């Protein structure tokens, strides 16, 4: 179903579904980068032929992930690097690339403009996830069964942000990088999420020293992202029972160093929800200019 371009009025001030309810905390583990300690770089992710090979070693660390229900307005892109935005869409054809490009992507671009006040927003990538979390182990054509990613990461490093800009807007990249720009992901449940929810870290709790550059290698280009070292000081959050009209804005990069600049994130296992159906979600990645 095609959606109408979002108007300023459709971005509503966030109101909890259940006023007065306070969120709970989930005790779980997150998979961080297992640094071999010999100075070698992380194993790259290889993408090609509808197949993703991700053999980067991980180490599980016990964490407490706090539900932000009842405190949604406390967390903003500038203060913590993530923000929950209530926004309804009539679009429902998320596996149709042509429909996404013609109808949903423009809607997301306008939504990001409305939330941030940006002068221009350009979608440059997206991921739809609709299968089990073991999808990496399925071998050839596993990208068609893409599920949640249980590895802590940041989608672009600063160098990777410039790579994304140059790859998407090669003729304008040099001029655009002279002014403030951001990368913001807009993460939306396709169905209400219980199993494999998304955890986001408070940007202020993650020092630069915990971020390790790594590569995703495609047939015609590569991108640099951050894998993340374990640190018990990291503070983790999520939205329990996240609905399709609850979009999570995740800041990946910002040239402004006076605000939160990047947010590690990962799917995680909620032990109380493992019997639920596989998560379905869409993440749209945008270049944001001011």
Protein backbone atom coordinates (compact mmCIF):
# COMPACT_ATOMS: atom_id res chain seq x y z
CA UNK A 1 0.00 0.00 0.00
CA UNK A 2 1.48 3.32 -1.02
CA UNK A 3 1.83 5.91 1.71
CA UNK A 4 1.33 9.63 1.58
CA UNK A 5 4.30 11.87 2.27
CA UNK A 6 4.33 12.67 5.96
CA UNK A 7 3.21 16.12 7.01
CA UNK A 8 4.59 18.11 9.91
CA UNK A 9 1.44 17.32 11.90
CA UNK A 10 1.93 13.52 11.70
CA UNK A 11 5.03 13.71 13.91
CA UNK A 12 3.25 13.62 17.26
CA UNK A 13 4.70 14.47 20.66
CA UNK A 14 5.54 11.14 22.23
CA UNK A 15 2.82 9.81 24.52
CA UNK A 16 3.19 6.35 26.12
CA UNK A 17 0.64 3.71 25.13
CA UNK A 18 0.07 2.97 28.82
CA UNK A 19 0.42 6.19 30.83
CA UNK A 20 1.95 5.58 34.22
CA UNK A 21 3.64 2.29 33.30
CA UNK A 22 7.35 2.19 34.08
CA UNK A 23 9.67 -0.02 32.11
CA UNK A 24 11.55 -3.00 33.43
CA UNK A 25 15.16 -4.14 33.03
CA UNK A 26 16.20 -7.26 31.11
CA UNK A 27 19.28 -9.18 32.22
CA UNK A 28 20.87 -10.71 29.13
CA UNK A 29 24.13 -10.90 27.17
CA UNK A 30 25.41 -8.92 24.21
CA UNK A 31 28.02 -10.11 21.71
CA UNK A 32 31.03 -7.79 21.57
CA UNK A 33 34.19 -8.00 19.47
CA UNK A 34 36.67 -10.58 20.71
CA UNK A 35 39.98 -8.80 20.06
CA UNK A 36 42.70 -11.43 19.46
CA UNK A 37 45.24 -9.07 21.01
CA UNK A 38 47.85 -9.51 18.27
CA UNK A 39 47.22 -6.22 16.48
CA UNK A 40 45.38 -7.83 13.56
CA UNK A 41 42.27 -6.05 12.22
CA UNK A 42 38.78 -7.50 12.63
CA UNK A 43 37.72 -10.11 10.07
CA UNK A 44 35.79 -8.23 7.35
CA UNK A 45 32.17 -8.94 6.50
CA UNK A 46 31.90 -10.12 2.88
CA UNK A 47 28.75 -9.38 0.88
CA UNK A 48 28.10 -10.70 -2.63
CA UNK A 49 25.74 -12.88 -4.61
CA UNK A 50 22.92 -12.36 -2.08
CA UNK A 51 25.18 -13.92 0.56
CA UNK A 52 26.62 -12.36 3.72
CA UNK A 53 29.66 -13.94 5.38
CA UNK A 54 30.24 -12.60 8.90
CA UNK A 55 32.84 -14.63 10.80
CA UNK A 56 34.08 -11.91 13.14
CA UNK A 57 34.67 -13.55 16.56
CA UNK A 58 32.62 -12.32 19.48
CA UNK A 59 32.60 -12.54 23.26
CA UNK A 60 29.38 -12.48 25.27
CA UNK A 61 29.13 -9.98 28.11
CA UNK A 62 26.41 -9.83 30.76
CA UNK A 63 24.43 -6.60 30.51
CA UNK A 64 21.29 -4.99 31.89
CA UNK A 65 19.10 -3.47 29.17
CA UNK A 66 16.64 -0.90 30.52
CA UNK A 67 13.16 -0.48 29.06
CA UNK A 68 12.52 3.22 28.39
CA UNK A 69 8.73 2.85 28.58
CA UNK A 70 7.38 5.74 30.65
CA UNK A 71 10.54 7.81 30.08
CA UNK A 72 10.52 7.99 26.28
CA UNK A 73 10.96 11.76 26.06
CA UNK A 74 14.10 11.69 28.21
CA UNK A 75 16.24 10.31 25.37
CA UNK A 76 17.03 12.49 22.35
CA UNK A 77 19.38 12.40 19.40
CA UNK A 78 21.53 15.19 20.84
CA UNK A 79 21.54 14.07 24.49
CA UNK A 80 21.92 10.29 24.14
CA UNK A 81 22.17 9.61 20.39
CA UNK A 82 18.80 7.90 20.02
CA UNK A 83 15.17 9.00 20.12
CA UNK A 84 11.81 7.26 19.96
CA UNK A 85 9.45 9.02 17.54
CA UNK A 86 5.80 8.11 17.20
CA UNK A 87 4.81 8.09 13.55
CA UNK A 88 2.16 6.08 11.71
CA UNK A 89 2.62 4.90 8.14
CA UNK A 90 0.10 3.39 5.77
CA UNK A 91 2.88 1.65 3.85
CA UNK A 92 2.93 -2.14 4.23
CA UNK A 93 4.81 -3.58 1.22
CA UNK A 94 8.24 -3.74 2.86
CA UNK A 95 9.72 -6.48 0.66
CA UNK A 96 8.94 -4.60 -2.57
CA UNK A 97 12.04 -2.54 -3.40
CA UNK A 98 10.31 -0.51 -6.12
CA UNK A 99 7.50 0.44 -3.75
CA UNK A 100 9.97 1.28 -0.99
CA UNK A 101 11.88 3.60 -3.29
CA UNK A 102 8.80 5.35 -4.67
CA UNK A 103 6.67 5.59 -1.53
CA UNK A 104 8.34 4.71 1.78
CA UNK A 105 11.78 6.28 1.36
CA UNK A 106 10.38 9.76 0.57
CA UNK A 107 8.14 9.43 3.63
CA UNK A 108 11.15 8.63 5.82
CA UNK A 109 13.16 11.50 4.34
CA UNK A 110 10.37 13.95 5.21
CA UNK A 111 9.99 12.45 8.68
CA UNK A 112 13.69 12.95 9.42
CA UNK A 113 13.45 16.54 8.19
CA UNK A 114 10.50 17.19 10.47
CA UNK A 115 12.18 15.68 13.54
CA UNK A 116 15.64 17.21 13.08
CA UNK A 117 14.99 20.44 11.20
CA UNK A 118 17.42 19.35 8.47
CA UNK A 119 17.31 21.08 5.10
CA UNK A 120 17.90 17.89 3.10
CA UNK A 121 17.70 14.15 3.77
CA UNK A 122 18.77 11.38 1.37
CA UNK A 123 18.17 7.66 1.89
CA UNK A 124 21.30 5.68 0.97
CA UNK A 125 20.63 2.16 2.29
CA UNK A 126 18.07 -0.01 4.03
CA UNK A 127 17.71 -3.45 5.64
CA UNK A 128 14.54 -5.51 6.08
CA UNK A 129 14.77 -8.30 8.66
CA UNK A 130 12.12 -11.02 8.80
CA UNK A 131 13.73 -14.32 9.81
CA UNK A 132 15.59 -16.11 12.59
CA UNK A 133 18.76 -14.78 14.18
CA UNK A 134 20.88 -17.70 12.92
CA UNK A 135 20.64 -16.48 9.33
CA UNK A 136 24.40 -15.95 8.95
CA UNK A 137 24.92 -19.72 9.29
CA UNK A 138 22.57 -20.58 6.41
CA UNK A 139 25.24 -20.17 3.70
CA UNK A 140 24.51 -19.24 0.10
CA UNK A 141 21.64 -16.76 -0.42
CA UNK A 142 21.29 -16.20 3.32
CA UNK A 143 20.55 -12.49 2.72
CA UNK A 144 17.08 -13.51 1.51
CA UNK A 145 16.46 -14.83 5.03
CA UNK A 146 17.99 -11.86 6.82
CA UNK A 147 17.23 -11.81 10.53
CA UNK A 148 18.37 -9.81 13.56
CA UNK A 149 22.07 -9.05 14.04
CA UNK A 150 23.32 -10.10 17.47
CA UNK A 151 26.64 -8.25 17.30
CA UNK A 152 27.32 -4.85 18.85
CA UNK A 153 28.28 -2.37 16.13
CA UNK A 154 28.00 1.16 14.70
CA UNK A 155 27.09 1.11 11.01
CA UNK A 156 29.63 3.74 9.92
CA UNK A 157 32.84 5.08 11.41
CA UNK A 158 33.72 8.72 10.58
CA UNK A 159 35.71 7.45 7.59
CA UNK A 160 32.81 5.18 6.70
CA UNK A 161 30.41 8.13 6.81
CA UNK A 162 32.49 9.90 4.18
CA UNK A 163 32.56 6.67 2.14
CA UNK A 164 28.75 6.49 2.28
CA UNK A 165 28.44 10.13 1.26
CA UNK A 166 30.84 9.71 -1.67
CA UNK A 167 29.18 6.48 -2.80
CA UNK A 168 25.63 7.89 -2.73
CA UNK A 169 26.31 11.48 -3.85
CA UNK A 170 29.68 11.39 -5.65
CA UNK A 171 29.25 14.68 -7.50
CA UNK A 172 28.27 16.61 -4.38
CA UNK A 173 30.28 14.89 -1.67
CA UNK A 174 33.19 17.32 -1.54
CA UNK A 175 30.93 20.33 -1.06
CA UNK A 176 28.49 18.61 1.32
CA UNK A 177 31.16 17.48 3.76
CA UNK A 178 32.19 21.10 4.37
CA UNK A 179 29.05 21.67 6.43
CA UNK A 180 27.30 19.74 9.19
CA UNK A 181 25.94 16.39 8.19
CA UNK A 182 24.76 13.30 10.02
CA UNK A 183 23.85 9.71 9.37
CA UNK A 184 20.61 8.73 11.11
CA UNK A 185 18.94 5.33 10.90
CA UNK A 186 15.16 5.12 11.19
CA UNK A 187 14.31 1.71 12.67
CA UNK A 188 10.67 0.58 12.55
CA UNK A 189 8.93 -2.63 13.64
CA UNK A 190 6.85 -4.15 10.85
CA UNK A 191 4.95 -6.06 13.53
CA UNK A 192 4.98 -5.51 17.29
CA UNK A 193 8.36 -6.71 18.57
CA UNK A 194 8.84 -9.08 21.47
CA UNK A 195 11.60 -11.45 20.35
CA UNK A 196 15.09 -10.12 19.49
CA UNK A 197 14.39 -6.45 20.30
CA UNK A 198 16.89 -3.70 19.51
CA UNK A 199 19.25 -2.44 22.22
CA UNK A 200 20.82 1.01 21.87
CA UNK A 201 23.69 2.34 23.97
CA UNK A 202 23.84 5.75 25.57
CA UNK A 203 26.48 7.44 23.41
CA UNK A 204 27.93 9.16 26.49
CA UNK A 205 28.78 5.81 28.09
CA UNK A 206 30.90 4.55 25.17
CA UNK A 207 34.42 6.01 24.87
CA UNK A 208 36.12 6.21 21.49
CA UNK A 209 38.70 3.70 22.72
CA UNK A 210 36.02 0.98 22.67
CA UNK A 211 35.34 1.45 18.94
CA UNK A 212 37.39 -0.63 16.49
CA UNK A 213 37.28 0.10 12.73
CA UNK A 214 36.27 -2.85 10.53
CA UNK A 215 35.11 -3.35 6.95
CA UNK A 216 32.16 -4.62 4.99
CA UNK A 217 33.40 -5.59 1.52
CA UNK A 218 31.02 -5.51 -1.46
CA UNK A 219 31.84 -6.50 -5.07
CA UNK A 220 32.18 -2.85 -6.14
CA UNK A 221 32.98 -0.93 -2.95
CA UNK A 222 33.56 -1.25 0.77
CA UNK A 223 32.42 0.52 3.89
CA UNK A 224 34.09 1.09 7.23
CA UNK A 225 32.09 0.57 10.41
CA UNK A 226 32.85 0.18 14.10
CA UNK A 227 32.81 -3.10 15.93
CA UNK A 228 32.83 -2.60 19.71
CA UNK A 229 34.96 -3.88 22.58
CA UNK A 230 33.23 -5.03 25.78
CA UNK A 231 33.02 -2.58 28.63
CA UNK A 232 30.76 -2.93 31.69
CA UNK A 233 30.37 0.87 31.78
CA UNK A 234 28.19 0.86 28.66
CA UNK A 235 24.57 1.75 29.43
CA UNK A 236 21.95 -0.06 27.33
CA UNK A 237 18.28 0.73 26.59
CA UNK A 238 15.36 -0.61 24.55
CA UNK A 239 11.62 -0.14 24.05
CA UNK A 240 9.62 -3.14 25.21
CA UNK A 241 6.61 -4.15 23.10
CA UNK A 242 7.72 -1.73 20.39
CA UNK A 243 4.86 -1.00 17.97
CA UNK A 244 4.99 -0.27 14.22
CA UNK A 245 4.20 3.39 14.91
CA UNK A 246 7.20 3.68 17.28
CA UNK A 247 10.28 4.47 15.21
CA UNK A 248 13.70 4.46 16.84
CA UNK A 249 16.02 7.13 15.46
CA UNK A 250 19.63 5.97 15.85
CA UNK A 251 22.47 8.42 15.28
CA UNK A 252 25.39 6.80 13.49
CA UNK A 253 27.52 9.86 12.77
CA UNK A 254 27.51 13.61 13.37
CA UNK A 255 30.12 16.19 12.44
CA UNK A 256 29.03 18.26 15.47
CA UNK A 257 31.20 17.10 18.37
CA UNK A 258 29.23 19.08 20.99
CA UNK A 259 26.40 16.52 21.02
CA UNK A 260 26.04 12.72 21.12
CA UNK A 261 27.65 11.50 17.90
CA UNK A 262 27.26 7.71 17.52
CA UNK A 263 25.29 4.88 19.07
CA UNK A 264 26.38 1.24 19.24
CA UNK A 265 23.39 -1.06 18.89
CA UNK A 266 22.51 -4.73 18.63
CA UNK A 267 19.66 -7.18 18.74
CA UNK A 268 19.47 -9.06 22.03
CA UNK A 269 17.69 -12.01 23.56
CA UNK A 270 14.95 -11.32 26.10
CA UNK A 271 14.67 -14.64 27.98
CA UNK A 272 10.96 -14.05 28.66
CA UNK A 273 10.13 -13.62 24.96
CA UNK A 274 12.11 -16.37 23.21
CA UNK A 275 8.93 -18.31 22.36
CA UNK A 276 7.53 -15.44 20.30
CA UNK A 277 7.58 -15.22 16.49
CA UNK A 278 10.67 -13.99 14.63
CA UNK A 279 11.15 -10.26 14.59
CA UNK A 280 10.16 -8.26 11.49
CA UNK A 281 11.64 -4.78 11.12
CA UNK A 282 12.94 -2.26 8.59
CA UNK A 283 15.90 0.07 9.05
CA UNK A 284 16.34 2.99 6.64
CA UNK A 285 19.70 4.76 6.64
CA UNK A 286 19.79 8.44 5.78
CA UNK A 287 22.30 11.18 5.06
CA UNK A 288 21.15 14.33 6.83
CA UNK A 289 22.26 17.85 5.86
CA UNK A 290 21.84 21.29 7.44
